[in-house]
Amino acid sequence: MGRELLSLALSDSSFEIVGGCGSPISPSLGKDLGIIVTTLEDPSLQRADLWIDFSSAKATDSHIALARKYRKPLVLGTTGLTPATFEHMQEASQEIPLFYSPNFSLTIALYLQAAAHFSKHLKHNFHMGIVETHHTEKKDIPSGTALAIAQALESSCDEQIPIQSIRTGSCKGKHTLFFECTGERLELTHEAFSRSIFAEGALKAAQFLLYKPAGLYSLKDLST
């Protein structure tokens, strides 16, 4: 995601990239990818008006803490987060503007609304489930998007939604919600064909967040 974000931001005159960071063991560290990849402790990164993080769940808490320390608005798209990290996010959003989404496709907000709508009307007579498919290198199971869909359903039907996760090939992300009963089946599917759609959404979120007051924002705020 870092390369996708960098490519789009460098081609957009409304953005100025002041730096980019990787983990201390990143093979990109010190390389020129349009900017020199450095570590988060690099003072140059403190000049940024806003940070975007799509790194690792293991690093998210420290990144939130640093954004809070330096009062940087933070766009966060890392998945596989723990309940404790979500609590940390809520606490930080009392002091800084923070935008979180497990999926930055701009149509996902509409998808979640549609999921909740169908669930409200079909919950008594249909069995519901989610099937999500991603590339073999995706570490978190189930995906953050699948969990968000399940949460949208559970808010209206008060039951746990089963999720089936498939890791195969180079699939960028496919999520299918199904409602099934004897005699018929309804499916709602979203599939991403390019990671660039997530980068586009993240940059839109950055523009939205830059001058917002402290708070926790999501794609629902961006689409309204």
C-alpha atoms as a PDB file:
ATOM      1  CA  MET A   1       0.000   0.000   0.000  1.00  0.00           C
ATOM      2  CA  GLY A   2       2.855   2.382   0.667  1.00  0.00           C
ATOM      3  CA  ARG A   3       3.960   2.301  -2.973  1.00  0.00           C
ATOM      4  CA  GLU A   4       0.375   2.818  -4.190  1.00  0.00           C
ATOM      5  CA  LEU A   5      -0.100   5.805  -1.885  1.00  0.00           C
ATOM      6  CA  LEU A   6       3.233   7.288  -2.876  1.00  0.00           C
ATOM      7  CA  SER A   7       2.550   6.909  -6.605  1.00  0.00           C
ATOM      8  CA  LEU A   8      -0.854   8.599  -6.420  1.00  0.00           C
ATOM      9  CA  ALA A   9       0.227  11.355  -4.031  1.00  0.00           C
ATOM     10  CA  LEU A  10       3.278  12.258  -6.129  1.00  0.00           C
ATOM     11  CA  SER A  11       1.002  12.722  -9.147  1.00  0.00           C
ATOM     12  CA  ASP A  12      -1.441  14.961  -7.245  1.00  0.00           C
ATOM     13  CA  SER A  13      -0.391  18.574  -6.793  1.00  0.00           C
ATOM     14  CA  SER A  14      -2.568  18.947  -3.700  1.00  0.00           C
ATOM     15  CA  PHE A  15      -0.163  16.679  -1.798  1.00  0.00           C
ATOM     16  CA  GLU A  16       3.454  17.182  -0.804  1.00  0.00           C
ATOM     17  CA  ILE A  17       5.253  14.081   0.433  1.00  0.00           C
ATOM     18  CA  VAL A  18       7.732  15.046   3.143  1.00  0.00           C
ATOM     19  CA  GLY A  19       8.778  11.521   4.024  1.00  0.00           C
ATOM     20  CA  GLY A  20       7.931   7.874   4.298  1.00  0.00           C
ATOM     21  CA  CYS A  21       8.892   5.272   6.832  1.00  0.00           C
ATOM     22  CA  GLY A  22       9.342   1.531   7.068  1.00  0.00           C
ATOM     23  CA  SER A  23      10.189  -0.921   9.805  1.00  0.00           C
ATOM     24  CA  PRO A  24      13.824  -1.182  10.954  1.00  0.00           C
ATOM     25  CA  ILE A  25      14.098  -4.434   8.944  1.00  0.00           C
ATOM     26  CA  SER A  26      12.285  -3.217   5.814  1.00  0.00           C
ATOM     27  CA  PRO A  27      14.187  -3.982   2.571  1.00  0.00           C
ATOM     28  CA  SER A  28      13.104  -0.523   1.327  1.00  0.00           C
ATOM     29  CA  LEU A  29      14.808   1.315   4.197  1.00  0.00           C
ATOM     30  CA  GLY A  30      17.209   3.941   2.862  1.00  0.00           C
ATOM     31  CA  LYS A  31      16.078   3.471  -0.731  1.00  0.00           C
ATOM     32  CA  ASP A  32      14.811   6.249  -2.987  1.00  0.00           C
ATOM     33  CA  LEU A  33      11.236   5.409  -4.009  1.00  0.00           C
ATOM     34  CA  GLY A  34      10.414   8.990  -4.945  1.00  0.00           C
ATOM     35  CA  ILE A  35      11.216   9.808  -1.325  1.00  0.00           C
ATOM     36  CA  ILE A  36      13.872   8.252   0.873  1.00  0.00           C
ATOM     37  CA  VAL A  37      12.375   5.584   3.112  1.00  0.00           C
ATOM     38  CA  THR A  38      13.346   6.196   6.714  1.00  0.00           C
ATOM     39  CA  THR A  39      12.114   5.329  10.219  1.00  0.00           C
ATOM     40  CA  LEU A  40       9.294   6.984  12.130  1.00  0.00           C
ATOM     41  CA  GLU A  41      11.786   8.660  14.474  1.00  0.00           C
ATOM     42  CA  ASP A  42      13.171  10.734  11.591  1.00  0.00           C
ATOM     43  CA  PRO A  43      12.600  14.438  12.481  1.00  0.00           C
ATOM     44  CA  SER A  44      11.591  15.193   8.876  1.00  0.00           C
ATOM     45  CA  LEU A  45       8.344  13.270   9.372  1.00  0.00           C
ATOM     46  CA  GLN A  46       7.339  15.652  12.135  1.00  0.00           C
ATOM     47  CA  ARG A  47       7.004  18.391   9.469  1.00  0.00           C
ATOM     48  CA  ALA A  48       4.071  16.547   7.928  1.00  0.00           C
ATOM     49  CA  ASP A  49       0.582  17.954   8.394  1.00  0.00           C
ATOM     50  CA  LEU A  50      -0.873  14.448   8.503  1.00  0.00           C
ATOM     51  CA  TRP A  51       0.229  10.804   8.683  1.00  0.00           C
ATOM     52  CA  ILE A  52      -1.175   7.796   6.818  1.00  0.00           C
ATOM     53  CA  ASP A  53      -0.551   4.330   8.243  1.00  0.00           C
ATOM     54  CA  PHE A  54      -1.129   1.005   6.446  1.00  0.00           C
ATOM     55  CA  SER A  55       1.651  -0.913   8.140  1.00  0.00           C
ATOM     56  CA  SER A  56       1.399  -3.710  10.695  1.00  0.00           C
ATOM     57  CA  ALA A  57      -1.003  -4.376  13.540  1.00  0.00           C
ATOM     58  CA  LYS A  58       2.028  -4.938  15.770  1.00  0.00           C
ATOM     59  CA  ALA A  59       3.127  -1.331  15.190  1.00  0.00           C
ATOM     60  CA  THR A  60      -0.273   0.380  15.310  1.00  0.00           C
ATOM     61  CA  ASP A  61      -0.301   1.210  19.019  1.00  0.00           C
ATOM     62  CA  SER A  62       3.114   2.879  18.836  1.00  0.00           C
ATOM     63  CA  HIS A  63       2.070   4.813  15.722  1.00  0.00           C
ATOM     64  CA  ILE A  64      -1.099   6.042  17.429  1.00  0.00           C
ATOM     65  CA  ALA A  65       0.951   7.078  20.471  1.00  0.00           C
ATOM     66  CA  LEU A  66       3.396   9.048  18.313  1.00  0.00           C
ATOM     67  CA  ALA A  67       0.594  10.754  16.371  1.00  0.00           C
ATOM     68  CA  ARG A  68      -0.925  11.704  19.690  1.00  0.00           C
ATOM     69  CA  LYS A  69       2.423  12.962  20.996  1.00  0.00           C
ATOM     70  CA  TYR A  70       3.081  15.157  17.958  1.00  0.00           C
ATOM     71  CA  ARG A  71      -0.589  16.101  17.446  1.00  0.00           C
ATOM     72  CA  LYS A  72      -0.742  14.669  13.935  1.00  0.00           C
ATOM     73  CA  PRO A  73      -4.053  13.774  12.272  1.00  0.00           C
ATOM     74  CA  LEU A  74      -3.845  10.068  11.455  1.00  0.00           C
ATOM     75  CA  VAL A  75      -5.441   8.061   8.646  1.00  0.00           C
ATOM     76  CA  LEU A  76      -5.279   4.420   9.678  1.00  0.00           C
ATOM     77  CA  GLY A  77      -6.062   1.441   7.447  1.00  0.00           C
ATOM     78  CA  THR A  78      -4.209  -1.377   9.181  1.00  0.00           C
ATOM     79  CA  THR A  79      -6.329  -4.482   9.896  1.00  0.00           C
ATOM     80  CA  GLY A  80      -6.022  -7.341  12.367  1.00  0.00           C
ATOM     81  CA  LEU A  81      -6.185  -4.943  15.317  1.00  0.00           C
ATOM     82  CA  THR A  82      -6.872  -6.117  18.864  1.00  0.00           C
ATOM     83  CA  PRO A  83      -9.700  -4.806  21.092  1.00  0.00           C
ATOM     84  CA  ALA A  84      -7.017  -3.055  23.168  1.00  0.00           C
ATOM     85  CA  THR A  85      -5.808  -1.182  20.074  1.00  0.00           C
ATOM     86  CA  PHE A  86      -9.346  -0.080  19.263  1.00  0.00           C
ATOM     87  CA  GLU A  87      -9.602   1.263  22.834  1.00  0.00           C
ATOM     88  CA  HIS A  88      -6.302   3.091  22.317  1.00  0.00           C
ATOM     89  CA  MET A  89      -7.712   4.533  19.094  1.00  0.00           C
ATOM     90  CA  GLN A  90     -10.815   5.780  20.905  1.00  0.00           C
ATOM     91  CA  GLU A  91      -8.685   7.422  23.600  1.00  0.00           C
ATOM     92  CA  ALA A  92      -6.392   9.098  21.054  1.00  0.00           C
ATOM     93  CA  SER A  93      -9.364  10.442  19.102  1.00  0.00           C
ATOM     94  CA  GLN A  94     -10.204  12.601  22.109  1.00  0.00           C
ATOM     95  CA  GLU A  95      -7.050  14.583  21.335  1.00  0.00           C
ATOM     96  CA  ILE A  96      -6.400  14.210  17.585  1.00  0.00           C
ATOM     97  CA  PRO A  97      -8.519  13.667  14.473  1.00  0.00           C
ATOM     98  CA  LEU A  98      -8.254   9.983  13.551  1.00  0.00           C
ATOM     99  CA  PHE A  99      -9.795   8.303  10.502  1.00  0.00           C
ATOM    100  CA  TYR A 100     -10.081   4.511  10.591  1.00  0.00           C
ATOM    101  CA  SER A 101     -11.403   2.064   8.031  1.00  0.00           C
ATOM    102  CA  PRO A 102     -10.517  -1.588   7.368  1.00  0.00           C
ATOM    103  CA  ASN A 103     -11.295  -0.948   3.688  1.00  0.00           C
ATOM    104  CA  PHE A 104     -10.836   2.358   1.836  1.00  0.00           C
ATOM    105  CA  SER A 105     -12.882   1.510  -1.231  1.00  0.00           C
ATOM    106  CA  LEU A 106     -15.408   4.351  -1.343  1.00  0.00           C
ATOM    107  CA  THR A 107     -18.226   1.930  -2.264  1.00  0.00           C
ATOM    108  CA  ILE A 108     -17.777  -0.125   0.900  1.00  0.00           C
ATOM    109  CA  ALA A 109     -19.681   2.447   2.965  1.00  0.00           C
ATOM    110  CA  LEU A 110     -22.683   1.910   0.667  1.00  0.00           C
ATOM    111  CA  TYR A 111     -22.151  -1.852   0.835  1.00  0.00           C
ATOM    112  CA  LEU A 112     -22.361  -1.772   4.639  1.00  0.00           C
ATOM    113  CA  GLN A 113     -25.558   0.266   4.499  1.00  0.00           C
ATOM    114  CA  ALA A 114     -27.045  -2.210   2.012  1.00  0.00           C
ATOM    115  CA  ALA A 115     -25.994  -5.140   4.211  1.00  0.00           C
ATOM    116  CA  ALA A 116     -27.752  -3.670   7.237  1.00  0.00           C
ATOM    117  CA  HIS A 117     -30.862  -2.921   5.148  1.00  0.00           C
ATOM    118  CA  PHE A 118     -31.139  -6.472   3.791  1.00  0.00           C
ATOM    119  CA  SER A 119     -30.469  -7.938   7.225  1.00  0.00           C
ATOM    120  CA  LYS A 120     -33.260  -5.907   8.787  1.00  0.00           C
ATOM    121  CA  HIS A 121     -35.820  -7.254   6.307  1.00  0.00           C
ATOM    122  CA  LEU A 122     -34.578 -10.838   5.869  1.00  0.00           C
ATOM    123  CA  LYS A 123     -33.289 -11.777   9.326  1.00  0.00           C
ATOM    124  CA  HIS A 124     -36.298 -13.906  10.321  1.00  0.00           C
ATOM    125  CA  ASN A 125     -36.468 -16.218   7.306  1.00  0.00           C
ATOM    126  CA  PHE A 126     -32.961 -16.383   5.846  1.00  0.00           C
ATOM    127  CA  HIS A 127     -29.632 -17.831   6.906  1.00  0.00           C
ATOM    128  CA  MET A 128     -26.823 -15.255   6.565  1.00  0.00           C
ATOM    129  CA  GLY A 129     -23.113 -15.715   6.004  1.00  0.00           C
ATOM    130  CA  ILE A 130     -19.984 -14.045   4.636  1.00  0.00           C
ATOM    131  CA  VAL A 131     -17.294 -15.470   2.371  1.00  0.00           C
ATOM    132  CA  GLU A 132     -14.120 -13.410   2.005  1.00  0.00           C
ATOM    133  CA  THR A 133     -11.197 -14.148  -0.325  1.00  0.00           C
ATOM    134  CA  HIS A 134      -7.725 -12.560  -0.315  1.00  0.00           C
ATOM    135  CA  HIS A 135      -4.214 -13.263  -1.574  1.00  0.00           C
ATOM    136  CA  THR A 136      -2.054 -15.775   0.246  1.00  0.00           C
ATOM    137  CA  GLU A 137       0.115 -13.096   1.916  1.00  0.00           C
ATOM    138  CA  LYS A 138      -2.748 -11.497   3.855  1.00  0.00           C
ATOM    139  CA  LYS A 139      -2.074 -12.272   7.498  1.00  0.00           C
ATOM    140  CA  ASP A 140      -5.279 -11.414   9.361  1.00  0.00           C
ATOM    141  CA  ILE A 141      -8.160 -13.908   9.237  1.00  0.00           C
ATOM    142  CA  PRO A 142     -10.968 -12.998   8.865  1.00  0.00           C
ATOM    143  CA  SER A 143     -10.393  -9.738   7.041  1.00  0.00           C
ATOM    144  CA  GLY A 144     -11.204  -6.425   8.661  1.00  0.00           C
ATOM    145  CA  THR A 145     -13.801  -5.777   5.975  1.00  0.00           C
ATOM    146  CA  ALA A 146     -15.566  -9.085   6.680  1.00  0.00           C
ATOM    147  CA  LEU A 147     -15.683  -8.182  10.366  1.00  0.00           C
ATOM    148  CA  ALA A 148     -17.137  -4.774   9.496  1.00  0.00           C
ATOM    149  CA  ILE A 149     -19.842  -6.421   7.363  1.00  0.00           C
ATOM    150  CA  ALA A 150     -20.644  -8.836  10.187  1.00  0.00           C
ATOM    151  CA  GLN A 151     -20.872  -5.938  12.628  1.00  0.00           C
ATOM    152  CA  ALA A 152     -23.296  -4.117  10.296  1.00  0.00           C
ATOM    153  CA  LEU A 153     -25.464  -7.246  10.161  1.00  0.00           C
ATOM    154  CA  GLU A 154     -25.297  -8.043  13.858  1.00  0.00           C
ATOM    155  CA  SER A 155     -26.388  -4.523  14.778  1.00  0.00           C
ATOM    156  CA  SER A 156     -29.753  -5.237  13.166  1.00  0.00           C
ATOM    157  CA  CYS A 157     -30.241  -8.966  13.748  1.00  0.00           C
ATOM    158  CA  ASP A 158     -28.542  -9.670  17.120  1.00  0.00           C
ATOM    159  CA  GLU A 159     -26.886 -12.922  16.046  1.00  0.00           C
ATOM    160  CA  GLN A 160     -23.325 -13.953  15.246  1.00  0.00           C
ATOM    161  CA  ILE A 161     -22.647 -14.107  11.510  1.00  0.00           C
ATOM    162  CA  PRO A 162     -20.434 -16.965  10.253  1.00  0.00           C
ATOM    163  CA  ILE A 163     -17.426 -15.926   8.154  1.00  0.00           C
ATOM    164  CA  GLN A 164     -15.521 -18.213   5.776  1.00  0.00           C
ATOM    165  CA  SER A 165     -12.018 -17.037   4.850  1.00  0.00           C
ATOM    166  CA  ILE A 166     -10.144 -18.160   1.731  1.00  0.00           C
ATOM    167  CA  ARG A 167      -6.491 -17.341   1.016  1.00  0.00           C
ATOM    168  CA  THR A 168      -5.492 -18.079  -2.557  1.00  0.00           C
ATOM    169  CA  GLY A 169      -3.584 -16.611  -5.494  1.00  0.00           C
ATOM    170  CA  SER A 170      -3.259 -12.832  -5.792  1.00  0.00           C
ATOM    171  CA  CYS A 171      -6.866 -11.783  -5.129  1.00  0.00           C
ATOM    172  CA  LYS A 172      -6.931  -8.157  -3.963  1.00  0.00           C
ATOM    173  CA  GLY A 173     -10.101  -8.696  -1.954  1.00  0.00           C
ATOM    174  CA  LYS A 174     -13.526 -10.193  -2.564  1.00  0.00           C
ATOM    175  CA  HIS A 175     -16.397 -10.181  -0.072  1.00  0.00           C
ATOM    176  CA  THR A 176     -19.705 -11.938  -0.605  1.00  0.00           C
ATOM    177  CA  LEU A 177     -22.616 -11.620   1.790  1.00  0.00           C
ATOM    178  CA  PHE A 178     -25.360 -14.169   1.236  1.00  0.00           C
ATOM    179  CA  PHE A 179     -28.918 -14.625   2.462  1.00  0.00           C
ATOM    180  CA  GLU A 180     -30.290 -18.120   1.866  1.00  0.00           C
ATOM    181  CA  CYS A 181     -33.468 -20.037   2.550  1.00  0.00           C
ATOM    182  CA  THR A 182     -35.244 -23.001   1.002  1.00  0.00           C
ATOM    183  CA  GLY A 183     -35.707 -22.178  -2.655  1.00  0.00           C
ATOM    184  CA  GLU A 184     -33.630 -19.024  -3.095  1.00  0.00           C
ATOM    185  CA  ARG A 185     -30.357 -17.260  -2.360  1.00  0.00           C
ATOM    186  CA  LEU A 186     -29.454 -13.567  -2.493  1.00  0.00           C
ATOM    187  CA  GLU A 187     -25.803 -12.493  -2.787  1.00  0.00           C
ATOM    188  CA  LEU A 188     -24.155  -9.091  -2.414  1.00  0.00           C
ATOM    189  CA  THR A 189     -20.553  -9.069  -3.641  1.00  0.00           C
ATOM    190  CA  HIS A 190     -17.774  -6.497  -3.695  1.00  0.00           C
ATOM    191  CA  GLU A 191     -14.474  -7.291  -5.405  1.00  0.00           C
ATOM    192  CA  ALA A 192     -11.398  -5.097  -5.692  1.00  0.00           C
ATOM    193  CA  PHE A 193      -9.290  -5.552  -8.831  1.00  0.00           C
ATOM    194  CA  SER A 194      -6.570  -3.036  -7.926  1.00  0.00           C
ATOM    195  CA  ARG A 195      -5.021  -1.827  -4.681  1.00  0.00           C
ATOM    196  CA  SER A 196      -5.071   1.687  -6.135  1.00  0.00           C
ATOM    197  CA  ILE A 197      -8.743   2.068  -5.138  1.00  0.00           C
ATOM    198  CA  PHE A 198      -7.716   1.777  -1.491  1.00  0.00           C
ATOM    199  CA  ALA A 199      -4.968   4.362  -1.955  1.00  0.00           C
ATOM    200  CA  GLU A 200      -7.429   6.745  -3.640  1.00  0.00           C
ATOM    201  CA  GLY A 201      -9.816   6.378  -0.722  1.00  0.00           C
ATOM    202  CA  ALA A 202      -7.053   6.954   1.813  1.00  0.00           C
ATOM    203  CA  LEU A 203      -5.968  10.182   0.108  1.00  0.00           C
ATOM    204  CA  LYS A 204      -9.567  11.404   0.055  1.00  0.00           C
ATOM    205  CA  ALA A 205      -9.766  10.583   3.754  1.00  0.00           C
ATOM    206  CA  ALA A 206      -6.567  12.579   4.325  1.00  0.00           C
ATOM    207  CA  GLN A 207      -8.018  15.639   2.590  1.00  0.00           C
ATOM    208  CA  PHE A 208     -11.209  15.270   4.620  1.00  0.00           C
ATOM    209  CA  LEU A 209      -9.400  14.846   7.945  1.00  0.00           C
ATOM    210  CA  LEU A 210      -6.763  17.562   7.719  1.00  0.00           C
ATOM    211  CA  TYR A 211      -8.690  20.404   9.339  1.00  0.00           C
ATOM    212  CA  LYS A 212     -11.207  18.390  11.334  1.00  0.00           C
ATOM    213  CA  PRO A 213     -11.412  18.646  15.126  1.00  0.00           C
ATOM    214  CA  ALA A 214     -10.388  15.730  17.327  1.00  0.00           C
ATOM    215  CA  GLY A 215     -12.628  12.721  16.845  1.00  0.00           C
ATOM    216  CA  LEU A 216     -12.874   9.255  15.322  1.00  0.00           C
ATOM    217  CA  TYR A 217     -14.033   9.318  11.705  1.00  0.00           C
ATOM    218  CA  SER A 218     -14.882   6.630   9.155  1.00  0.00           C
ATOM    219  CA  LEU A 219     -15.953   6.164   5.530  1.00  0.00           C
ATOM    220  CA  LYS A 220     -19.522   6.848   6.645  1.00  0.00           C
ATOM    221  CA  ASP A 221     -18.456  10.420   7.484  1.00  0.00           C
ATOM    222  CA  LEU A 222     -16.669  10.758   4.150  1.00  0.00           C
ATOM    223  CA  SER A 223     -19.689   9.600   2.142  1.00  0.00           C
ATOM    224  CA  THR A 224     -22.273  11.835   3.832  1.00  0.00           C
END
